[in-house]
PDB file of all heavy atoms in Angstrom:
ATOM      1  N   VAL A   1     120.622 -45.240  36.077  1.00  0.00           N
ATOM      2  CA  VAL A   1     120.294 -46.624  35.770  1.00  0.00           C
ATOM      3  C   VAL A   1     119.034 -47.072  36.493  1.00  0.00           C
ATOM      4  O   VAL A   1     118.114 -47.661  35.891  1.00  0.00           O
ATOM      5  CB  VAL A   1     121.482 -47.541  36.112  1.00  0.00           C
ATOM      6  CG1 VAL A   1     121.062 -49.006  36.031  1.00  0.00           C
ATOM      7  CG2 VAL A   1     122.657 -47.274  35.182  1.00  0.00           C
ATOM      8  N   ILE A   2     118.944 -46.793  37.788  1.00  0.00           N
ATOM      9  CA  ILE A   2     117.789 -47.250  38.577  1.00  0.00           C
ATOM     10  C   ILE A   2     116.504 -46.609  38.080  1.00  0.00           C
ATOM     11  O   ILE A   2     115.491 -47.286  37.829  1.00  0.00           O
ATOM     12  CB  ILE A   2     117.998 -46.955  40.067  1.00  0.00           C
ATOM     13  CG1 ILE A   2     119.236 -47.681  40.611  1.00  0.00           C
ATOM     14  CG2 ILE A   2     116.754 -47.380  40.870  1.00  0.00           C
ATOM     15  CD1 ILE A   2     119.209 -49.168  40.497  1.00  0.00           C
ATOM     16  N   LEU A   3     116.506 -45.279  37.948  1.00  0.00           N
ATOM     17  CA  LEU A   3     115.318 -44.577  37.478  1.00  0.00           C
ATOM     18  C   LEU A   3     114.942 -45.020  36.068  1.00  0.00           C
ATOM     19  O   LEU A   3     113.777 -45.242  35.750  1.00  0.00           O
ATOM     20  CB  LEU A   3     115.572 -43.060  37.514  1.00  0.00           C
ATOM     21  CG  LEU A   3     114.432 -42.170  37.014  1.00  0.00           C
ATOM     22  CD1 LEU A   3     113.175 -42.379  37.816  1.00  0.00           C
ATOM     23  CD2 LEU A   3     114.866 -40.688  37.049  1.00  0.00           C
ATOM     24  N   GLY A   4     115.963 -45.155  35.226  1.00  0.00           N
ATOM     25  CA  GLY A   4     115.705 -45.562  33.861  1.00  0.00           C
ATOM     26  C   GLY A   4     115.075 -46.947  33.763  1.00  0.00           C
ATOM     27  O   GLY A   4     114.172 -47.170  32.966  1.00  0.00           O
ATOM     28  N   PHE A   5     115.556 -47.888  34.588  1.00  0.00           N
ATOM     29  CA  PHE A   5     115.007 -49.245  34.517  1.00  0.00           C
ATOM     30  C   PHE A   5     113.587 -49.313  35.063  1.00  0.00           C
ATOM     31  O   PHE A   5     112.814 -50.180  34.645  1.00  0.00           O
ATOM     32  CB  PHE A   5     115.915 -50.220  35.248  1.00  0.00           C
ATOM     33  CG  PHE A   5     116.938 -50.882  34.360  1.00  0.00           C
ATOM     34  CD1 PHE A   5     118.246 -50.449  34.354  1.00  0.00           C
ATOM     35  CD2 PHE A   5     116.563 -51.908  33.502  1.00  0.00           C
ATOM     36  CE1 PHE A   5     119.184 -51.032  33.524  1.00  0.00           C
ATOM     37  CE2 PHE A   5     117.490 -52.506  32.670  1.00  0.00           C
ATOM     38  CZ  PHE A   5     118.813 -52.068  32.664  1.00  0.00           C
ATOM     39  N   ILE A   6     113.234 -48.452  35.978  1.00  0.00           N
ATOM     40  CA  ILE A   6     111.843 -48.395  36.434  1.00  0.00           C
ATOM     41  C   ILE A   6     110.932 -47.992  35.284  1.00  0.00           C
ATOM     42  O   ILE A   6     109.916 -48.633  35.010  1.00  0.00           O
ATOM     43  CB  ILE A   6     111.695 -47.429  37.619  1.00  0.00           C
ATOM     44  CG1 ILE A   6     112.414 -47.959  38.858  1.00  0.00           C
ATOM     45  CG2 ILE A   6     110.212 -47.200  37.941  1.00  0.00           C
ATOM     46  CD1 ILE A   6     112.441 -46.987  40.027  1.00  0.00           C
ATOM     47  N   LEU A   7     111.324 -46.929  34.593  1.00  0.00           N
ATOM     48  CA  LEU A   7     110.527 -46.471  33.437  1.00  0.00           C
ATOM     49  C   LEU A   7     110.530 -47.507  32.314  1.00  0.00           C
ATOM     50  O   LEU A   7     109.506 -47.748  31.670  1.00  0.00           O
ATOM     51  CB  LEU A   7     111.072 -45.141  32.936  1.00  0.00           C
ATOM     52  CG  LEU A   7     110.908 -43.940  33.874  1.00  0.00           C
ATOM     53  CD1 LEU A   7     111.696 -42.746  33.339  1.00  0.00           C
ATOM     54  CD2 LEU A   7     109.433 -43.594  34.029  1.00  0.00           C
ATOM     55  N   LEU A   8     111.691 -48.116  32.098  1.00  0.00           N
ATOM     56  CA  LEU A   8     111.791 -49.126  31.040  1.00  0.00           C
ATOM     57  C   LEU A   8     110.887 -50.325  31.342  1.00  0.00           C
ATOM     58  O   LEU A   8     110.169 -50.804  30.464  1.00  0.00           O
ATOM     59  CB  LEU A   8     113.245 -49.581  30.899  1.00  0.00           C
ATOM     60  CG  LEU A   8     113.452 -50.736  29.884  1.00  0.00           C
ATOM     61  CD1 LEU A   8     113.107 -50.286  28.467  1.00  0.00           C
ATOM     62  CD2 LEU A   8     114.906 -51.239  29.945  1.00  0.00           C
ATOM     63  N   GLY A   9     110.915 -50.795  32.582  1.00  0.00           N
ATOM     64  CA  GLY A   9     110.085 -51.949  32.930  1.00  0.00           C
ATOM     65  C   GLY A   9     108.604 -51.678  32.735  1.00  0.00           C
ATOM     66  O   GLY A   9     107.871 -52.527  32.211  1.00  0.00           O
ATOM     67  N   LEU A  10     108.156 -50.478  33.119  1.00  0.00           N
ATOM     68  CA  LEU A  10     106.736 -50.153  33.004  1.00  0.00           C
ATOM     69  C   LEU A  10     106.312 -50.062  31.534  1.00  0.00           C
ATOM     70  O   LEU A  10     105.179 -50.421  31.196  1.00  0.00           O
ATOM     71  CB  LEU A  10     106.454 -48.828  33.705  1.00  0.00           C
ATOM     72  CG  LEU A  10     106.626 -48.844  35.235  1.00  0.00           C
ATOM     73  CD1 LEU A  10     106.392 -47.449  35.810  1.00  0.00           C
ATOM     74  CD2 LEU A  10     105.658 -49.843  35.892  1.00  0.00           C
ATOM     75  N   SER A  11     107.208 -49.568  30.682  1.00  0.00           N
ATOM     76  CA  SER A  11     106.846 -49.434  29.258  1.00  0.00           C
ATOM     77  C   SER A  11     107.148 -50.687  28.465  1.00  0.00           C
ATOM     78  O   SER A  11     106.294 -51.175  27.712  1.00  0.00           O
ATOM     79  CB  SER A  11     107.596 -48.244  28.654  1.00  0.00           C
ATOM     80  OG  SER A  11     109.002 -48.426  28.740  1.00  0.00           O
ATOM     81  N   PHE A  12     108.336 -51.246  28.650  1.00  0.00           N
ATOM     82  CA  PHE A  12     108.744 -52.425  27.901  1.00  0.00           C
ATOM     83  C   PHE A  12     107.856 -53.625  28.225  1.00  0.00           C
ATOM     84  O   PHE A  12     107.602 -54.466  27.337  1.00  0.00           O
ATOM     85  CB  PHE A  12     110.206 -52.745  28.230  1.00  0.00           C
ATOM     86  CG  PHE A  12     110.797 -53.840  27.389  1.00  0.00           C
ATOM     87  CD1 PHE A  12     111.088 -53.640  26.056  1.00  0.00           C
ATOM     88  CD2 PHE A  12     111.101 -55.080  27.941  1.00  0.00           C
ATOM     89  CE1 PHE A  12     111.647 -54.640  25.278  1.00  0.00           C
ATOM     90  CE2 PHE A  12     111.651 -56.074  27.196  1.00  0.00           C
ATOM     91  CZ  PHE A  12     111.921 -55.868  25.844  1.00  0.00           C
ATOM     92  N   GLY A  13     107.349 -53.690  29.443  1.00  0.00           N
ATOM     93  CA  GLY A  13     106.517 -54.814  29.847  1.00  0.00           C
ATOM     94  C   GLY A  13     105.260 -54.955  29.045  1.00  0.00           C
ATOM     95  O   GLY A  13     104.718 -56.054  28.905  1.00  0.00           O
ATOM     96  N   GLN A  14     104.756 -53.853  28.480  1.00  0.00           N
ATOM     97  CA  GLN A  14     103.508 -53.887  27.716  1.00  0.00           C
ATOM     98  C   GLN A  14     103.664 -53.506  26.244  1.00  0.00           C
ATOM     99  O   GLN A  14     102.691 -53.535  25.497  1.00  0.00           O
ATOM    100  CB  GLN A  14     102.473 -52.967  28.369  1.00  0.00           C
ATOM    101  CG  GLN A  14     102.055 -53.385  29.757  1.00  0.00           C
ATOM    102  CD  GLN A  14     101.409 -54.769  29.784  1.00  0.00           C
ATOM    103  OE1 GLN A  14     100.540 -55.063  28.974  1.00  0.00           O
ATOM    104  NE2 GLN A  14     101.859 -55.625  30.708  1.00  0.00           N
ATOM    105  N   ALA A  15     104.885 -53.160  25.845  1.00  0.00           N
ATOM    106  CA  ALA A  15     105.087 -52.668  24.493  1.00  0.00           C
ATOM    107  C   ALA A  15     104.744 -53.709  23.429  1.00  0.00           C
ATOM    108  O   ALA A  15     104.008 -53.441  22.476  1.00  0.00           O
ATOM    109  CB  ALA A  15     106.533 -52.194  24.318  1.00  0.00           C
ATOM    110  N   SER A  16     105.248 -54.931  23.595  1.00  0.00           N
ATOM    111  CA  SER A  16     104.970 -55.975  22.616  1.00  0.00           C
ATOM    112  C   SER A  16     103.519 -56.396  22.641  1.00  0.00           C
ATOM    113  O   SER A  16     102.931 -56.704  21.593  1.00  0.00           O
ATOM    114  CB  SER A  16     105.884 -57.177  22.859  1.00  0.00           C
ATOM    115  OG  SER A  16     107.230 -56.839  22.619  1.00  0.00           O
ATOM    116  N   GLY A  17     102.912 -56.431  23.815  1.00  0.00           N
ATOM    117  CA  GLY A  17     101.500 -56.773  23.922  1.00  0.00           C
ATOM    118  C   GLY A  17     100.628 -55.765  23.188  1.00  0.00           C
ATOM    119  O   GLY A  17      99.636 -56.117  22.560  1.00  0.00           O
ATOM    120  N   ALA A  18     101.022 -54.485  23.257  1.00  0.00           N
ATOM    121  CA  ALA A  18     100.263 -53.452  22.554  1.00  0.00           C
ATOM    122  C   ALA A  18     100.351 -53.645  21.046  1.00  0.00           C
ATOM    123  O   ALA A  18      99.380 -53.419  20.322  1.00  0.00           O
ATOM    124  CB  ALA A  18     100.788 -52.074  22.945  1.00  0.00           C
ATOM    125  N   VAL A  19     101.522 -54.071  20.579  1.00  0.00           N
ATOM    126  CA  VAL A  19     101.688 -54.312  19.140  1.00  0.00           C
ATOM    127  C   VAL A  19     100.813 -55.484  18.700  1.00  0.00           C
ATOM    128  O   VAL A  19     100.065 -55.398  17.721  1.00  0.00           O
ATOM    129  CB  VAL A  19     103.175 -54.579  18.814  1.00  0.00           C
ATOM    130  CG1 VAL A  19     103.314 -55.060  17.375  1.00  0.00           C
ATOM    131  CG2 VAL A  19     104.005 -53.328  19.046  1.00  0.00           C
ATOM    132  N   ALA A  20     100.894 -56.618  19.422  1.00  0.00           N
ATOM    133  CA  ALA A  20     100.127 -57.804  19.040  1.00  0.00           C
ATOM    134  C   ALA A  20      98.637 -57.544  19.069  1.00  0.00           C
ATOM    135  O   ALA A  20      97.874 -58.077  18.260  1.00  0.00           O
ATOM    136  CB  ALA A  20     100.497 -58.971  19.968  1.00  0.00           C
ATOM    137  N   ALA A  21      98.194 -56.708  20.022  1.00  0.00           N
ATOM    138  CA  ALA A  21      96.764 -56.426  20.149  1.00  0.00           C
ATOM    139  C   ALA A  21      96.225 -55.620  18.997  1.00  0.00           C
ATOM    140  O   ALA A  21      95.007 -55.479  18.843  1.00  0.00           O
ATOM    141  CB  ALA A  21      96.505 -55.696  21.477  1.00  0.00           C
ATOM    142  N   SER A  22      97.106 -55.058  18.177  1.00  0.00           N
ATOM    143  CA  SER A  22      96.656 -54.216  17.056  1.00  0.00           C
ATOM    144  C   SER A  22      96.225 -55.031  15.842  1.00  0.00           C
ATOM    145  O   SER A  22      95.674 -54.467  14.897  1.00  0.00           O
ATOM    146  CB  SER A  22      97.790 -53.262  16.646  1.00  0.00           C
ATOM    147  OG  SER A  22      98.166 -52.428  17.711  1.00  0.00           O
ATOM    148  N   PHE A  23      96.476 -56.337  15.853  1.00  0.00           N
ATOM    149  CA  PHE A  23      96.231 -57.145  14.674  1.00  0.00           C
ATOM    150  C   PHE A  23      95.092 -58.132  14.906  1.00  0.00           C
ATOM    151  O   PHE A  23      94.890 -58.621  16.027  1.00  0.00           O
ATOM    152  CB  PHE A  23      97.491 -57.912  14.283  1.00  0.00           C
ATOM    153  CG  PHE A  23      98.708 -57.045  14.123  1.00  0.00           C
ATOM    154  CD1 PHE A  23      99.820 -57.232  14.916  1.00  0.00           C
ATOM    155  CD2 PHE A  23      98.705 -56.030  13.190  1.00  0.00           C
ATOM    156  CE1 PHE A  23     100.928 -56.415  14.775  1.00  0.00           C
ATOM    157  CE2 PHE A  23      99.811 -55.198  13.045  1.00  0.00           C
ATOM    158  CZ  PHE A  23     100.930 -55.396  13.829  1.00  0.00           C
ATOM    159  N   GLY A  24      94.369 -58.435  13.835  1.00  0.00           N
ATOM    160  CA  GLY A  24      93.363 -59.484  13.899  1.00  0.00           C
ATOM    161  C   GLY A  24      94.031 -60.838  14.074  1.00  0.00           C
ATOM    162  O   GLY A  24      95.195 -61.043  13.707  1.00  0.00           O
ATOM    163  N   LYS A  25      93.292 -61.802  14.593  1.00  0.00           N
ATOM    164  CA  LYS A  25      93.880 -63.098  14.923  1.00  0.00           C
ATOM    165  C   LYS A  25      94.469 -63.803  13.704  1.00  0.00           C
ATOM    166  O   LYS A  25      95.490 -64.462  13.787  1.00  0.00           O
ATOM    167  CB  LYS A  25      92.831 -63.973  15.612  1.00  0.00           C
ATOM    168  CG  LYS A  25      92.439 -63.504  16.998  1.00  0.00           C
ATOM    169  CD  LYS A  25      91.435 -64.431  17.633  1.00  0.00           C
ATOM    170  CE  LYS A  25      91.058 -63.974  19.043  1.00  0.00           C
ATOM    171  NZ  LYS A  25      90.061 -64.868  19.676  1.00  0.00           N
ATOM    172  N   GLY A  26      93.814 -63.690  12.577  1.00  0.00           N
ATOM    173  CA  GLY A  26      94.268 -64.428  11.408  1.00  0.00           C
ATOM    174  C   GLY A  26      95.637 -63.997  10.907  1.00  0.00           C
ATOM    175  O   GLY A  26      96.346 -64.780  10.287  1.00  0.00           O
ATOM    176  N   TYR A  27      96.029 -62.750  11.192  1.00  0.00           N
ATOM    177  CA  TYR A  27      97.312 -62.235  10.703  1.00  0.00           C
ATOM    178  C   TYR A  27      98.273 -61.907  11.855  1.00  0.00           C
ATOM    179  O   TYR A  27      99.373 -61.397  11.601  1.00  0.00           O
ATOM    180  CB  TYR A  27      97.093 -60.973   9.858  1.00  0.00           C
ATOM    181  CG  TYR A  27      96.331 -61.253   8.584  1.00  0.00           C
ATOM    182  CD1 TYR A  27      94.964 -61.029   8.505  1.00  0.00           C
ATOM    183  CD2 TYR A  27      96.982 -61.736   7.449  1.00  0.00           C
ATOM    184  CE1 TYR A  27      94.253 -61.281   7.336  1.00  0.00           C
ATOM    185  CE2 TYR A  27      96.298 -61.987   6.281  1.00  0.00           C
ATOM    186  CZ  TYR A  27      94.934 -61.762   6.230  1.00  0.00           C
ATOM    187  OH  TYR A  27      94.236 -62.018   5.057  1.00  0.00           O
ATOM    188  N   ARG A  28      97.865 -62.186  13.080  1.00  0.00           N
ATOM    189  CA  ARG A  28      98.652 -61.735  14.230  1.00  0.00           C
ATOM    190  C   ARG A  28     100.043 -62.363  14.236  1.00  0.00           C
ATOM    191  O   ARG A  28     101.032 -61.685  14.573  1.00  0.00           O
ATOM    192  CB  ARG A  28      97.928 -62.071  15.522  1.00  0.00           C
ATOM    193  CG  ARG A  28      98.667 -61.653  16.781  1.00  0.00           C
ATOM    194  CD  ARG A  28      97.810 -61.843  18.008  1.00  0.00           C
ATOM    195  NE  ARG A  28      96.666 -60.944  17.976  1.00  0.00           N
ATOM    196  CZ  ARG A  28      95.682 -60.998  18.857  1.00  0.00           C
ATOM    197  NH1 ARG A  28      95.683 -61.925  19.785  1.00  0.00           N
ATOM    198  NH2 ARG A  28      94.686 -60.142  18.778  1.00  0.00           N
ATOM    199  N   TYR A  29     100.154 -63.615  13.889  1.00  0.00           N
ATOM    200  CA  TYR A  29     101.431 -64.317  13.968  1.00  0.00           C
ATOM    201  C   TYR A  29     102.472 -63.655  13.081  1.00  0.00           C
ATOM    202  O   TYR A  29     103.556 -63.272  13.535  1.00  0.00           O
ATOM    203  CB  TYR A  29     101.230 -65.775  13.567  1.00  0.00           C
ATOM    204  CG  TYR A  29     102.464 -66.633  13.587  1.00  0.00           C
ATOM    205  CD1 TYR A  29     102.902 -67.216  14.780  1.00  0.00           C
ATOM    206  CD2 TYR A  29     103.205 -66.861  12.432  1.00  0.00           C
ATOM    207  CE1 TYR A  29     104.043 -68.026  14.789  1.00  0.00           C
ATOM    208  CE2 TYR A  29     104.339 -67.651  12.443  1.00  0.00           C
ATOM    209  CZ  TYR A  29     104.754 -68.230  13.626  1.00  0.00           C
ATOM    210  OH  TYR A  29     105.876 -69.002  13.644  1.00  0.00           O
ATOM    211  N   THR A  30     102.157 -63.489  11.806  1.00  0.00           N
ATOM    212  CA  THR A  30     103.117 -62.904  10.866  1.00  0.00           C
ATOM    213  C   THR A  30     103.262 -61.398  11.086  1.00  0.00           C
ATOM    214  O   THR A  30     104.375 -60.860  11.061  1.00  0.00           O
ATOM    215  CB  THR A  30     102.677 -63.187   9.431  1.00  0.00           C
ATOM    216  OG1 THR A  30     102.650 -64.590   9.211  1.00  0.00           O
ATOM    217  CG2 THR A  30     103.631 -62.551   8.428  1.00  0.00           C
ATOM    218  N   ALA A  31     102.143 -60.705  11.293  1.00  0.00           N
ATOM    219  CA  ALA A  31     102.198 -59.246  11.458  1.00  0.00           C
ATOM    220  C   ALA A  31     103.010 -58.853  12.685  1.00  0.00           C
ATOM    221  O   ALA A  31     103.760 -57.882  12.652  1.00  0.00           O
ATOM    222  CB  ALA A  31     100.785 -58.685  11.567  1.00  0.00           C
ATOM    223  N   SER A  32     102.870 -59.607  13.766  1.00  0.00           N
ATOM    224  CA  SER A  32     103.623 -59.302  14.985  1.00  0.00           C
ATOM    225  C   SER A  32     105.127 -59.490  14.742  1.00  0.00           C
ATOM    226  O   SER A  32     105.944 -58.696  15.209  1.00  0.00           O
ATOM    227  CB  SER A  32     103.162 -60.213  16.135  1.00  0.00           C
ATOM    228  OG  SER A  32     101.836 -59.914  16.514  1.00  0.00           O
ATOM    229  N   ALA A  33     105.483 -60.548  14.023  1.00  0.00           N
ATOM    230  CA  ALA A  33     106.890 -60.796  13.744  1.00  0.00           C
ATOM    231  C   ALA A  33     107.488 -59.682  12.891  1.00  0.00           C
ATOM    232  O   ALA A  33     108.573 -59.166  13.198  1.00  0.00           O
ATOM    233  CB  ALA A  33     107.054 -62.151  13.041  1.00  0.00           C
ATOM    234  N   VAL A  34     106.788 -59.314  11.827  1.00  0.00           N
ATOM    235  CA  VAL A  34     107.286 -58.273  10.939  1.00  0.00           C
ATOM    236  C   VAL A  34     107.386 -56.946  11.662  1.00  0.00           C
ATOM    237  O   VAL A  34     108.388 -56.217  11.559  1.00  0.00           O
ATOM    238  CB  VAL A  34     106.377 -58.161   9.714  1.00  0.00           C
ATOM    239  CG1 VAL A  34     106.761 -56.934   8.866  1.00  0.00           C
ATOM    240  CG2 VAL A  34     106.439 -59.423   8.880  1.00  0.00           C
ATOM    241  N   THR A  35     106.344 -56.588  12.424  1.00  0.00           N
ATOM    242  CA  THR A  35     106.334 -55.318  13.116  1.00  0.00           C
ATOM    243  C   THR A  35     107.439 -55.240  14.163  1.00  0.00           C
ATOM    244  O   THR A  35     108.116 -54.216  14.284  1.00  0.00           O
ATOM    245  CB  THR A  35     104.985 -55.090  13.797  1.00  0.00           C
ATOM    246  OG1 THR A  35     103.942 -55.209  12.828  1.00  0.00           O
ATOM    247  CG2 THR A  35     104.896 -53.731  14.434  1.00  0.00           C
ATOM    248  N   SER A  36     107.631 -56.335  14.902  1.00  0.00           N
ATOM    249  CA  SER A  36     108.683 -56.353  15.917  1.00  0.00           C
ATOM    250  C   SER A  36     110.060 -56.148  15.273  1.00  0.00           C
ATOM    251  O   SER A  36     110.882 -55.362  15.779  1.00  0.00           O
ATOM    252  CB  SER A  36     108.640 -57.691  16.667  1.00  0.00           C
ATOM    253  OG  SER A  36     109.695 -57.779  17.600  1.00  0.00           O
ATOM    254  N   ASP A  37     110.308 -56.844  14.174  1.00  0.00           N
ATOM    255  CA  ASP A  37     111.600 -56.693  13.488  1.00  0.00           C
ATOM    256  C   ASP A  37     111.840 -55.257  13.061  1.00  0.00           C
ATOM    257  O   ASP A  37     112.932 -54.701  13.284  1.00  0.00           O
ATOM    258  CB  ASP A  37     111.651 -57.600  12.267  1.00  0.00           C
ATOM    259  CG  ASP A  37     111.711 -59.076  12.635  1.00  0.00           C
ATOM    260  OD1 ASP A  37     112.044 -59.380  13.789  1.00  0.00           O
ATOM    261  OD2 ASP A  37     111.389 -59.911  11.763  1.00  0.00           O
ATOM    262  N   LEU A  38     110.858 -54.655  12.422  1.00  0.00           N
ATOM    263  CA  LEU A  38     111.033 -53.301  11.922  1.00  0.00           C
ATOM    264  C   LEU A  38     111.113 -52.288  13.048  1.00  0.00           C
ATOM    265  O   LEU A  38     111.836 -51.275  12.944  1.00  0.00           O
ATOM    266  CB  LEU A  38     109.879 -52.946  10.970  1.00  0.00           C
ATOM    267  CG  LEU A  38     109.806 -53.798   9.696  1.00  0.00           C
ATOM    268  CD1 LEU A  38     108.583 -53.398   8.859  1.00  0.00           C
ATOM    269  CD2 LEU A  38     111.078 -53.641   8.875  1.00  0.00           C
ATOM    270  N   ALA A  39     110.409 -52.550  14.145  1.00  0.00           N
ATOM    271  CA  ALA A  39     110.489 -51.657  15.302  1.00  0.00           C
ATOM    272  C   ALA A  39     111.880 -51.691  15.934  1.00  0.00           C
ATOM    273  O   ALA A  39     112.408 -50.659  16.355  1.00  0.00           O
ATOM    274  CB  ALA A  39     109.413 -52.037  16.330  1.00  0.00           C
ATOM    275  N   TRP A  40     112.476 -52.884  15.991  1.00  0.00           N
ATOM    276  CA  TRP A  40     113.834 -52.985  16.530  1.00  0.00           C
ATOM    277  C   TRP A  40     114.821 -52.248  15.632  1.00  0.00           C
ATOM    278  O   TRP A  40     115.766 -51.600  16.125  1.00  0.00           O
ATOM    279  CB  TRP A  40     114.245 -54.433  16.684  1.00  0.00           C
ATOM    280  CG  TRP A  40     113.733 -55.098  17.930  1.00  0.00           C
ATOM    281  CD1 TRP A  40     112.798 -56.091  17.999  1.00  0.00           C
ATOM    282  CD2 TRP A  40     114.115 -54.818  19.275  1.00  0.00           C
ATOM    283  NE1 TRP A  40     112.588 -56.447  19.327  1.00  0.00           N
ATOM    284  CE2 TRP A  40     113.377 -55.668  20.121  1.00  0.00           C
ATOM    285  CE3 TRP A  40     115.017 -53.909  19.843  1.00  0.00           C
ATOM    286  CZ2 TRP A  40     113.522 -55.662  21.517  1.00  0.00           C
ATOM    287  CZ3 TRP A  40     115.147 -53.887  21.229  1.00  0.00           C
ATOM    288  CH2 TRP A  40     114.413 -54.746  22.038  1.00  0.00           C
TER     289      TRP A  40
END
């Protein structure tokens, strides 16, 4: 649990930011929502 949460925190902390950064501003709102849903 301890080791896993260290790795999870380091990756999960930036995972959504990496997704949002992939989209242009005009479509970021909807694209981020859709991508997050499908990724889950």
